[in-house]
Amino acid sequence: MGNPYLLGFLGSLLAGITTVLGAFFIIFKQEISEKFRDISLGFSAGIMLSASFFSLLSPSIEILNELLTSKFLIALTVSFGFMLGTVVFWIADIFISDDYIHKYLIRNNNNSINLKKLWLFTLAITIHNFPEGMSSALGFLTGNIGNGLAVATGIGIQNIPEGLAIALTLLISGYSKKFAIFITFLTGIVEPIGGLVGMLTFGFYNLILPIGLSFAAGAMIFVISKEIIPETHKKGFEKEATTGLILGFILMMFLDIALG
């Protein structure tokens, strides 16, 4: 079966690397349509949403059923972890302010509004890669290697179009291909970091692990609702983005059932 902690790190690392894989497509593709971008983001949201339920909350409840006899305590524990995940990432979102964007990331003042949107989008992807990496790693600690493999595979698949979207957006904004690939690499490397943090924080005590799983679910649901879905509904492609979300949800559900 292998060491679940090593598998967890490798799973989150491989999921992060696929973000960079998507970035390399800018060598062949010089532009990306708003429709494709919204469908891709919707697809990512669907995978994250499905993983939150089938690969995180459900195993969390199963583990707690073996540890606790009180249904009330089980519900309370899962709810606590979920709420903690949303609160932590809500606070993180607050600290990424407009002042931070202008001070550290905007190169010039000629097109500051568009550049601000570009870096906000990039930071949003970076933030949501952290709970994705945590989810990829913690899935291997549930005792079901297939569950971890399903999460890592699903997140890895949806990271490819995300990486392409980031790299192309940077390229269109005047940055070089090397810089675009490098920034995309930085957003992807957040995933194994999230995996390590997740395992170190939640992986060494039976009662803490289900809290960690629900924490990751809460963090992902927050990012889906706060960042991804609103972003896909700005350009008039709501139906297309919703179709992408449904397809992503089905793919992740299929992987979880088939591999779990």
C-alpha atoms as a PDB file:
ATOM      1  CA  MET A   1       0.000   0.000   0.000  1.00  0.00           C
ATOM      2  CA  GLY A   2       2.905   2.354   0.701  1.00  0.00           C
ATOM      3  CA  ASN A   3       3.357   5.113   3.242  1.00  0.00           C
ATOM      4  CA  PRO A   4       0.160   7.218   3.193  1.00  0.00           C
ATOM      5  CA  TYR A   5       2.079  10.384   4.139  1.00  0.00           C
ATOM      6  CA  LEU A   6       4.509   9.953   1.268  1.00  0.00           C
ATOM      7  CA  LEU A   7       1.631   9.160  -1.087  1.00  0.00           C
ATOM      8  CA  GLY A   8      -0.216  12.221   0.203  1.00  0.00           C
ATOM      9  CA  PHE A   9       2.723  14.507  -0.538  1.00  0.00           C
ATOM     10  CA  LEU A  10       3.303  12.957  -3.969  1.00  0.00           C
ATOM     11  CA  GLY A  11      -0.417  13.255  -4.764  1.00  0.00           C
ATOM     12  CA  SER A  12      -0.498  16.955  -3.914  1.00  0.00           C
ATOM     13  CA  LEU A  13       2.806  17.516  -5.753  1.00  0.00           C
ATOM     14  CA  LEU A  14       1.578  15.858  -8.948  1.00  0.00           C
ATOM     15  CA  ALA A  15      -1.710  17.760  -8.760  1.00  0.00           C
ATOM     16  CA  GLY A  16       0.264  21.002  -8.511  1.00  0.00           C
ATOM     17  CA  ILE A  17       2.612  20.115 -11.358  1.00  0.00           C
ATOM     18  CA  THR A  18      -0.330  19.756 -13.759  1.00  0.00           C
ATOM     19  CA  THR A  19      -0.936  23.505 -13.302  1.00  0.00           C
ATOM     20  CA  VAL A  20       2.460  24.137 -14.890  1.00  0.00           C
ATOM     21  CA  LEU A  21       1.655  21.573 -17.594  1.00  0.00           C
ATOM     22  CA  GLY A  22      -1.303  23.730 -18.598  1.00  0.00           C
ATOM     23  CA  ALA A  23       0.945  26.798 -18.734  1.00  0.00           C
ATOM     24  CA  PHE A  24       3.214  25.196 -21.344  1.00  0.00           C
ATOM     25  CA  PHE A  25       0.325  25.206 -23.821  1.00  0.00           C
ATOM     26  CA  ILE A  26       0.944  28.958 -24.327  1.00  0.00           C
ATOM     27  CA  ILE A  27       3.816  27.875 -26.560  1.00  0.00           C
ATOM     28  CA  PHE A  28       1.193  26.663 -29.057  1.00  0.00           C
ATOM     29  CA  LYS A  29      -1.792  28.875 -28.182  1.00  0.00           C
ATOM     30  CA  GLN A  30      -1.616  32.663 -28.073  1.00  0.00           C
ATOM     31  CA  GLU A  31      -5.136  33.543 -26.945  1.00  0.00           C
ATOM     32  CA  ILE A  32      -8.029  32.180 -24.954  1.00  0.00           C
ATOM     33  CA  SER A  33     -11.691  33.078 -25.319  1.00  0.00           C
ATOM     34  CA  GLU A  34     -13.768  34.342 -22.415  1.00  0.00           C
ATOM     35  CA  LYS A  35     -16.177  31.459 -23.012  1.00  0.00           C
ATOM     36  CA  PHE A  36     -13.433  28.828 -22.758  1.00  0.00           C
ATOM     37  CA  ARG A  37     -12.085  30.492 -19.623  1.00  0.00           C
ATOM     38  CA  ASP A  38     -15.493  30.502 -17.931  1.00  0.00           C
ATOM     39  CA  ILE A  39     -16.214  26.891 -18.921  1.00  0.00           C
ATOM     40  CA  SER A  40     -12.803  25.848 -17.567  1.00  0.00           C
ATOM     41  CA  LEU A  41     -13.349  27.682 -14.293  1.00  0.00           C
ATOM     42  CA  GLY A  42     -16.849  26.189 -14.016  1.00  0.00           C
ATOM     43  CA  PHE A  43     -15.342  22.751 -14.636  1.00  0.00           C
ATOM     44  CA  SER A  44     -12.816  23.397 -11.843  1.00  0.00           C
ATOM     45  CA  ALA A  45     -15.594  24.509  -9.501  1.00  0.00           C
ATOM     46  CA  GLY A  46     -17.554  21.326 -10.255  1.00  0.00           C
ATOM     47  CA  ILE A  47     -14.587  19.093  -9.431  1.00  0.00           C
ATOM     48  CA  MET A  48     -13.899  21.002  -6.219  1.00  0.00           C
ATOM     49  CA  LEU A  49     -17.565  20.925  -5.216  1.00  0.00           C
ATOM     50  CA  SER A  50     -17.854  17.191  -5.839  1.00  0.00           C
ATOM     51  CA  ALA A  51     -14.573  16.468  -4.041  1.00  0.00           C
ATOM     52  CA  SER A  52     -15.781  18.475  -1.041  1.00  0.00           C
ATOM     53  CA  PHE A  53     -18.750  16.163  -0.580  1.00  0.00           C
ATOM     54  CA  PHE A  54     -17.653  12.726  -1.814  1.00  0.00           C
ATOM     55  CA  SER A  55     -13.939  12.782  -0.955  1.00  0.00           C
ATOM     56  CA  LEU A  56     -13.774  14.995   2.127  1.00  0.00           C
ATOM     57  CA  LEU A  57     -17.017  15.351   4.076  1.00  0.00           C
ATOM     58  CA  SER A  58     -18.174  11.767   3.521  1.00  0.00           C
ATOM     59  CA  PRO A  59     -14.871  10.162   4.694  1.00  0.00           C
ATOM     60  CA  SER A  60     -14.812  12.597   7.622  1.00  0.00           C
ATOM     61  CA  ILE A  61     -18.234  11.382   8.740  1.00  0.00           C
ATOM     62  CA  GLU A  62     -17.239   7.726   8.212  1.00  0.00           C
ATOM     63  CA  ILE A  63     -14.136   8.092  10.397  1.00  0.00           C
ATOM     64  CA  LEU A  64     -16.097   9.860  13.131  1.00  0.00           C
ATOM     65  CA  ASN A  65     -18.737   7.113  13.084  1.00  0.00           C
ATOM     66  CA  GLU A  66     -15.998   4.687  14.104  1.00  0.00           C
ATOM     67  CA  LEU A  67     -14.636   6.975  16.829  1.00  0.00           C
ATOM     68  CA  LEU A  68     -17.770   8.502  18.352  1.00  0.00           C
ATOM     69  CA  THR A  69     -21.144   7.064  19.310  1.00  0.00           C
ATOM     70  CA  SER A  70     -23.027  10.357  19.573  1.00  0.00           C
ATOM     71  CA  LYS A  71     -24.514  11.536  16.267  1.00  0.00           C
ATOM     72  CA  PHE A  72     -24.715  15.016  17.763  1.00  0.00           C
ATOM     73  CA  LEU A  73     -20.945  15.062  18.442  1.00  0.00           C
ATOM     74  CA  ILE A  74     -20.238  13.742  14.938  1.00  0.00           C
ATOM     75  CA  ALA A  75     -22.352  16.499  13.388  1.00  0.00           C
ATOM     76  CA  LEU A  76     -20.775  19.096  15.669  1.00  0.00           C
ATOM     77  CA  THR A  77     -17.223  17.990  14.819  1.00  0.00           C
ATOM     78  CA  VAL A  78     -17.800  18.024  11.062  1.00  0.00           C
ATOM     79  CA  SER A  79     -19.563  21.390  11.277  1.00  0.00           C
ATOM     80  CA  PHE A  80     -16.728  22.835  13.356  1.00  0.00           C
ATOM     81  CA  GLY A  81     -14.070  21.759  10.847  1.00  0.00           C
ATOM     82  CA  PHE A  82     -16.119  23.040   7.912  1.00  0.00           C
ATOM     83  CA  MET A  83     -16.742  26.422   9.556  1.00  0.00           C
ATOM     84  CA  LEU A  84     -13.090  26.708  10.583  1.00  0.00           C
ATOM     85  CA  GLY A  85     -12.019  26.214   6.963  1.00  0.00           C
ATOM     86  CA  THR A  86     -14.353  28.933   5.704  1.00  0.00           C
ATOM     87  CA  VAL A  87     -13.337  31.392   8.440  1.00  0.00           C
ATOM     88  CA  VAL A  88      -9.604  30.917   7.884  1.00  0.00           C
ATOM     89  CA  PHE A  89      -9.893  31.537   4.151  1.00  0.00           C
ATOM     90  CA  TRP A  90     -12.340  34.397   4.666  1.00  0.00           C
ATOM     91  CA  ILE A  91      -9.669  36.101   6.788  1.00  0.00           C
ATOM     92  CA  ALA A  92      -6.997  35.321   4.175  1.00  0.00           C
ATOM     93  CA  ASP A  93      -9.196  36.896   1.514  1.00  0.00           C
ATOM     94  CA  ILE A  94      -9.532  40.074   3.574  1.00  0.00           C
ATOM     95  CA  PHE A  95      -5.758  40.468   3.836  1.00  0.00           C
ATOM     96  CA  ILE A  96      -5.345  40.366   0.045  1.00  0.00           C
ATOM     97  CA  SER A  97      -6.450  43.968  -0.283  1.00  0.00           C
ATOM     98  CA  ASP A  98      -6.409  46.443  -3.157  1.00  0.00           C
ATOM     99  CA  ASP A  99      -3.460  48.208  -1.498  1.00  0.00           C
ATOM    100  CA  TYR A 100      -1.449  44.976  -1.650  1.00  0.00           C
ATOM    101  CA  ILE A 101      -2.212  44.585  -5.359  1.00  0.00           C
ATOM    102  CA  HIS A 102      -1.193  48.135  -6.202  1.00  0.00           C
ATOM    103  CA  LYS A 103       1.929  48.170  -4.016  1.00  0.00           C
ATOM    104  CA  TYR A 104       3.490  44.871  -4.989  1.00  0.00           C
ATOM    105  CA  LEU A 105       2.049  43.574  -8.254  1.00  0.00           C
ATOM    106  CA  ILE A 106       1.026  46.333 -10.680  1.00  0.00           C
ATOM    107  CA  ARG A 107       3.911  47.252 -12.979  1.00  0.00           C
ATOM    108  CA  ASN A 108       2.597  50.566 -14.246  1.00  0.00           C
ATOM    109  CA  ASN A 109      -0.369  52.918 -14.039  1.00  0.00           C
ATOM    110  CA  ASN A 110      -1.378  52.907 -17.708  1.00  0.00           C
ATOM    111  CA  ASN A 111      -3.688  49.936 -17.407  1.00  0.00           C
ATOM    112  CA  SER A 112      -3.935  49.496 -13.662  1.00  0.00           C
ATOM    113  CA  ILE A 113      -7.576  48.356 -13.609  1.00  0.00           C
ATOM    114  CA  ASN A 114      -6.990  45.438 -15.974  1.00  0.00           C
ATOM    115  CA  LEU A 115      -3.726  44.520 -14.272  1.00  0.00           C
ATOM    116  CA  LYS A 116      -5.449  44.598 -10.906  1.00  0.00           C
ATOM    117  CA  LYS A 117      -8.073  42.153 -12.204  1.00  0.00           C
ATOM    118  CA  LEU A 118      -5.299  39.970 -13.625  1.00  0.00           C
ATOM    119  CA  TRP A 119      -3.431  39.701 -10.318  1.00  0.00           C
ATOM    120  CA  LEU A 120      -6.604  39.282  -8.293  1.00  0.00           C
ATOM    121  CA  PHE A 121      -7.499  36.357 -10.542  1.00  0.00           C
ATOM    122  CA  THR A 122      -3.998  34.883 -10.182  1.00  0.00           C
ATOM    123  CA  LEU A 123      -4.070  35.262  -6.402  1.00  0.00           C
ATOM    124  CA  ALA A 124      -7.538  33.721  -6.236  1.00  0.00           C
ATOM    125  CA  ILE A 125      -6.231  30.650  -8.085  1.00  0.00           C
ATOM    126  CA  THR A 126      -3.214  30.541  -5.771  1.00  0.00           C
ATOM    127  CA  ILE A 127      -5.391  30.696  -2.659  1.00  0.00           C
ATOM    128  CA  HIS A 128      -7.705  27.947  -3.808  1.00  0.00           C
ATOM    129  CA  ASN A 129      -4.728  25.748  -4.730  1.00  0.00           C
ATOM    130  CA  PHE A 130      -3.848  25.573  -1.017  1.00  0.00           C
ATOM    131  CA  PRO A 131      -6.996  23.686   0.098  1.00  0.00           C
ATOM    132  CA  GLU A 132      -6.805  21.647  -3.109  1.00  0.00           C
ATOM    133  CA  GLY A 133      -3.322  20.475  -2.119  1.00  0.00           C
ATOM    134  CA  MET A 134      -4.538  19.820   1.408  1.00  0.00           C
ATOM    135  CA  SER A 135      -7.419  17.761   0.024  1.00  0.00           C
ATOM    136  CA  SER A 136      -5.142  15.783  -2.297  1.00  0.00           C
ATOM    137  CA  ALA A 137      -2.869  14.832   0.596  1.00  0.00           C
ATOM    138  CA  LEU A 138      -5.474  14.181   3.289  1.00  0.00           C
ATOM    139  CA  GLY A 139      -7.429  11.901   0.967  1.00  0.00           C
ATOM    140  CA  PHE A 140      -4.583   9.359   1.228  1.00  0.00           C
ATOM    141  CA  LEU A 141      -4.735   9.380   5.037  1.00  0.00           C
ATOM    142  CA  THR A 142      -8.324   8.121   5.236  1.00  0.00           C
ATOM    143  CA  GLY A 143      -7.194   4.512   4.898  1.00  0.00           C
ATOM    144  CA  ASN A 144      -8.547   4.340   1.360  1.00  0.00           C
ATOM    145  CA  ILE A 145      -5.744   4.922  -1.163  1.00  0.00           C
ATOM    146  CA  GLY A 146      -8.288   4.948  -3.980  1.00  0.00           C
ATOM    147  CA  ASN A 147     -10.028   7.903  -2.360  1.00  0.00           C
ATOM    148  CA  GLY A 148      -6.804   9.890  -2.296  1.00  0.00           C
ATOM    149  CA  LEU A 149      -5.997   8.883  -5.865  1.00  0.00           C
ATOM    150  CA  ALA A 150      -9.432  10.032  -7.012  1.00  0.00           C
ATOM    151  CA  VAL A 151      -9.017  13.474  -5.400  1.00  0.00           C
ATOM    152  CA  ALA A 152      -5.473  13.968  -6.704  1.00  0.00           C
ATOM    153  CA  THR A 153      -6.491  12.862 -10.222  1.00  0.00           C
ATOM    154  CA  GLY A 154      -9.585  15.047 -10.352  1.00  0.00           C
ATOM    155  CA  ILE A 155      -7.784  18.126  -9.054  1.00  0.00           C
ATOM    156  CA  GLY A 156      -4.852  17.458 -11.373  1.00  0.00           C
ATOM    157  CA  ILE A 157      -7.165  17.330 -14.412  1.00  0.00           C
ATOM    158  CA  GLN A 158      -8.875  20.610 -13.563  1.00  0.00           C
ATOM    159  CA  ASN A 159      -5.525  22.307 -12.884  1.00  0.00           C
ATOM    160  CA  ILE A 160      -4.488  21.999 -16.551  1.00  0.00           C
ATOM    161  CA  PRO A 161      -6.990  24.540 -17.947  1.00  0.00           C
ATOM    162  CA  GLU A 162      -6.418  26.726 -14.876  1.00  0.00           C
ATOM    163  CA  GLY A 163      -2.698  26.848 -15.602  1.00  0.00           C
ATOM    164  CA  LEU A 164      -3.386  27.703 -19.234  1.00  0.00           C
ATOM    165  CA  ALA A 165      -5.805  30.461 -18.213  1.00  0.00           C
ATOM    166  CA  ILE A 166      -3.277  32.057 -15.850  1.00  0.00           C
ATOM    167  CA  ALA A 167      -0.387  31.866 -18.304  1.00  0.00           C
ATOM    168  CA  LEU A 168      -2.383  33.196 -21.248  1.00  0.00           C
ATOM    169  CA  THR A 169      -3.826  36.052 -19.212  1.00  0.00           C
ATOM    170  CA  LEU A 170      -0.315  37.083 -18.172  1.00  0.00           C
ATOM    171  CA  LEU A 171       0.908  36.762 -21.753  1.00  0.00           C
ATOM    172  CA  ILE A 172      -1.911  38.909 -23.116  1.00  0.00           C
ATOM    173  CA  SER A 173      -1.156  41.538 -20.441  1.00  0.00           C
ATOM    174  CA  GLY A 174       2.353  42.003 -21.812  1.00  0.00           C
ATOM    175  CA  TYR A 175       4.416  39.641 -19.693  1.00  0.00           C
ATOM    176  CA  SER A 176       6.893  37.239 -21.299  1.00  0.00           C
ATOM    177  CA  LYS A 177       6.259  33.520 -21.780  1.00  0.00           C
ATOM    178  CA  LYS A 178       8.996  32.670 -19.285  1.00  0.00           C
ATOM    179  CA  PHE A 179       7.473  34.963 -16.666  1.00  0.00           C
ATOM    180  CA  ALA A 180       3.976  33.593 -17.320  1.00  0.00           C
ATOM    181  CA  ILE A 181       5.161  29.994 -16.895  1.00  0.00           C
ATOM    182  CA  PHE A 182       7.143  30.944 -13.765  1.00  0.00           C
ATOM    183  CA  ILE A 183       4.148  32.625 -12.090  1.00  0.00           C
ATOM    184  CA  THR A 184       1.961  29.648 -12.995  1.00  0.00           C
ATOM    185  CA  PHE A 185       4.596  27.380 -11.436  1.00  0.00           C
ATOM    186  CA  LEU A 186       4.414  29.426  -8.222  1.00  0.00           C
ATOM    187  CA  THR A 187       0.614  29.045  -8.089  1.00  0.00           C
ATOM    188  CA  GLY A 188       0.969  25.279  -8.609  1.00  0.00           C
ATOM    189  CA  ILE A 189       3.706  24.758  -6.008  1.00  0.00           C
ATOM    190  CA  VAL A 190       1.231  26.003  -3.393  1.00  0.00           C
ATOM    191  CA  GLU A 191      -0.525  22.618  -3.649  1.00  0.00           C
ATOM    192  CA  PRO A 192       2.248  20.403  -2.185  1.00  0.00           C
ATOM    193  CA  ILE A 193       2.810  23.094   0.452  1.00  0.00           C
ATOM    194  CA  GLY A 194      -0.886  22.846   1.310  1.00  0.00           C
ATOM    195  CA  GLY A 195      -0.538  19.072   1.350  1.00  0.00           C
ATOM    196  CA  LEU A 196       2.337  19.185   3.816  1.00  0.00           C
ATOM    197  CA  VAL A 197       0.578  21.709   6.055  1.00  0.00           C
ATOM    198  CA  GLY A 198      -2.577  19.612   5.994  1.00  0.00           C
ATOM    199  CA  MET A 199      -0.798  16.398   6.944  1.00  0.00           C
ATOM    200  CA  LEU A 200       1.314  18.049   9.649  1.00  0.00           C
ATOM    201  CA  THR A 201      -1.713  19.785  11.121  1.00  0.00           C
ATOM    202  CA  PHE A 202      -4.383  17.127  10.833  1.00  0.00           C
ATOM    203  CA  GLY A 203      -2.712  13.817  10.025  1.00  0.00           C
ATOM    204  CA  PHE A 204      -1.321  12.456  13.274  1.00  0.00           C
ATOM    205  CA  TYR A 205      -4.375  11.915  15.464  1.00  0.00           C
ATOM    206  CA  ASN A 206      -7.537  10.030  14.578  1.00  0.00           C
ATOM    207  CA  LEU A 207      -9.947  12.707  15.818  1.00  0.00           C
ATOM    208  CA  ILE A 208      -8.015  15.540  14.143  1.00  0.00           C
ATOM    209  CA  LEU A 209      -8.026  13.966  10.657  1.00  0.00           C
ATOM    210  CA  PRO A 210     -11.818  14.222  10.129  1.00  0.00           C
ATOM    211  CA  ILE A 211     -11.650  17.846  11.282  1.00  0.00           C
ATOM    212  CA  GLY A 212      -8.932  18.411   8.681  1.00  0.00           C
ATOM    213  CA  LEU A 213     -11.019  16.789   5.950  1.00  0.00           C
ATOM    214  CA  SER A 214     -14.034  18.965   6.748  1.00  0.00           C
ATOM    215  CA  PHE A 215     -11.711  21.994   7.091  1.00  0.00           C
ATOM    216  CA  ALA A 216     -10.484  21.429   3.516  1.00  0.00           C
ATOM    217  CA  ALA A 217     -14.082  21.035   2.329  1.00  0.00           C
ATOM    218  CA  GLY A 218     -15.106  24.316   3.964  1.00  0.00           C
ATOM    219  CA  ALA A 219     -12.126  26.113   2.463  1.00  0.00           C
ATOM    220  CA  MET A 220     -12.915  24.826  -1.039  1.00  0.00           C
ATOM    221  CA  ILE A 221     -16.621  25.672  -0.811  1.00  0.00           C
ATOM    222  CA  PHE A 222     -15.699  29.204   0.289  1.00  0.00           C
ATOM    223  CA  VAL A 223     -13.364  29.661  -2.688  1.00  0.00           C
ATOM    224  CA  ILE A 224     -15.951  28.230  -5.104  1.00  0.00           C
ATOM    225  CA  SER A 225     -18.670  30.604  -3.904  1.00  0.00           C
ATOM    226  CA  LYS A 226     -16.500  33.662  -3.297  1.00  0.00           C
ATOM    227  CA  GLU A 227     -14.141  33.575  -6.275  1.00  0.00           C
ATOM    228  CA  ILE A 228     -14.817  31.026  -8.988  1.00  0.00           C
ATOM    229  CA  ILE A 229     -18.570  31.072  -9.646  1.00  0.00           C
ATOM    230  CA  PRO A 230     -18.879  34.899  -9.561  1.00  0.00           C
ATOM    231  CA  GLU A 231     -15.925  35.117 -11.966  1.00  0.00           C
ATOM    232  CA  THR A 232     -17.673  32.818 -14.469  1.00  0.00           C
ATOM    233  CA  HIS A 233     -20.864  34.907 -14.443  1.00  0.00           C
ATOM    234  CA  LYS A 234     -19.393  38.265 -15.484  1.00  0.00           C
ATOM    235  CA  LYS A 235     -19.192  37.890 -19.271  1.00  0.00           C
ATOM    236  CA  GLY A 236     -22.600  36.425 -20.120  1.00  0.00           C
ATOM    237  CA  PHE A 237     -21.541  32.761 -20.260  1.00  0.00           C
ATOM    238  CA  GLU A 238     -23.435  31.601 -17.174  1.00  0.00           C
ATOM    239  CA  LYS A 239     -25.034  28.591 -18.902  1.00  0.00           C
ATOM    240  CA  GLU A 240     -21.752  27.465 -20.413  1.00  0.00           C
ATOM    241  CA  ALA A 241     -19.981  27.823 -17.067  1.00  0.00           C
ATOM    242  CA  THR A 242     -22.780  25.909 -15.354  1.00  0.00           C
ATOM    243  CA  THR A 243     -22.413  23.131 -17.934  1.00  0.00           C
ATOM    244  CA  GLY A 244     -18.702  23.006 -17.139  1.00  0.00           C
ATOM    245  CA  LEU A 245     -19.515  22.825 -13.410  1.00  0.00           C
ATOM    246  CA  ILE A 246     -21.901  19.908 -13.919  1.00  0.00           C
ATOM    247  CA  LEU A 247     -19.387  18.021 -16.072  1.00  0.00           C
ATOM    248  CA  GLY A 248     -16.653  18.609 -13.498  1.00  0.00           C
ATOM    249  CA  PHE A 249     -18.930  17.446 -10.688  1.00  0.00           C
ATOM    250  CA  ILE A 250     -19.821  14.257 -12.592  1.00  0.00           C
ATOM    251  CA  LEU A 251     -16.173  13.521 -13.462  1.00  0.00           C
ATOM    252  CA  MET A 252     -15.049  13.854  -9.833  1.00  0.00           C
ATOM    253  CA  MET A 253     -18.021  11.794  -8.613  1.00  0.00           C
ATOM    254  CA  PHE A 254     -17.207   9.092 -11.192  1.00  0.00           C
ATOM    255  CA  LEU A 255     -13.527   9.013 -10.161  1.00  0.00           C
ATOM    256  CA  ASP A 256     -14.423   8.799  -6.484  1.00  0.00           C
ATOM    257  CA  ILE A 257     -16.867   5.916  -7.005  1.00  0.00           C
ATOM    258  CA  ALA A 258     -14.644   4.075  -9.494  1.00  0.00           C
ATOM    259  CA  LEU A 259     -11.392   4.437  -7.548  1.00  0.00           C
ATOM    260  CA  GLY A 260     -12.698   4.786  -3.989  1.00  0.00           C
END
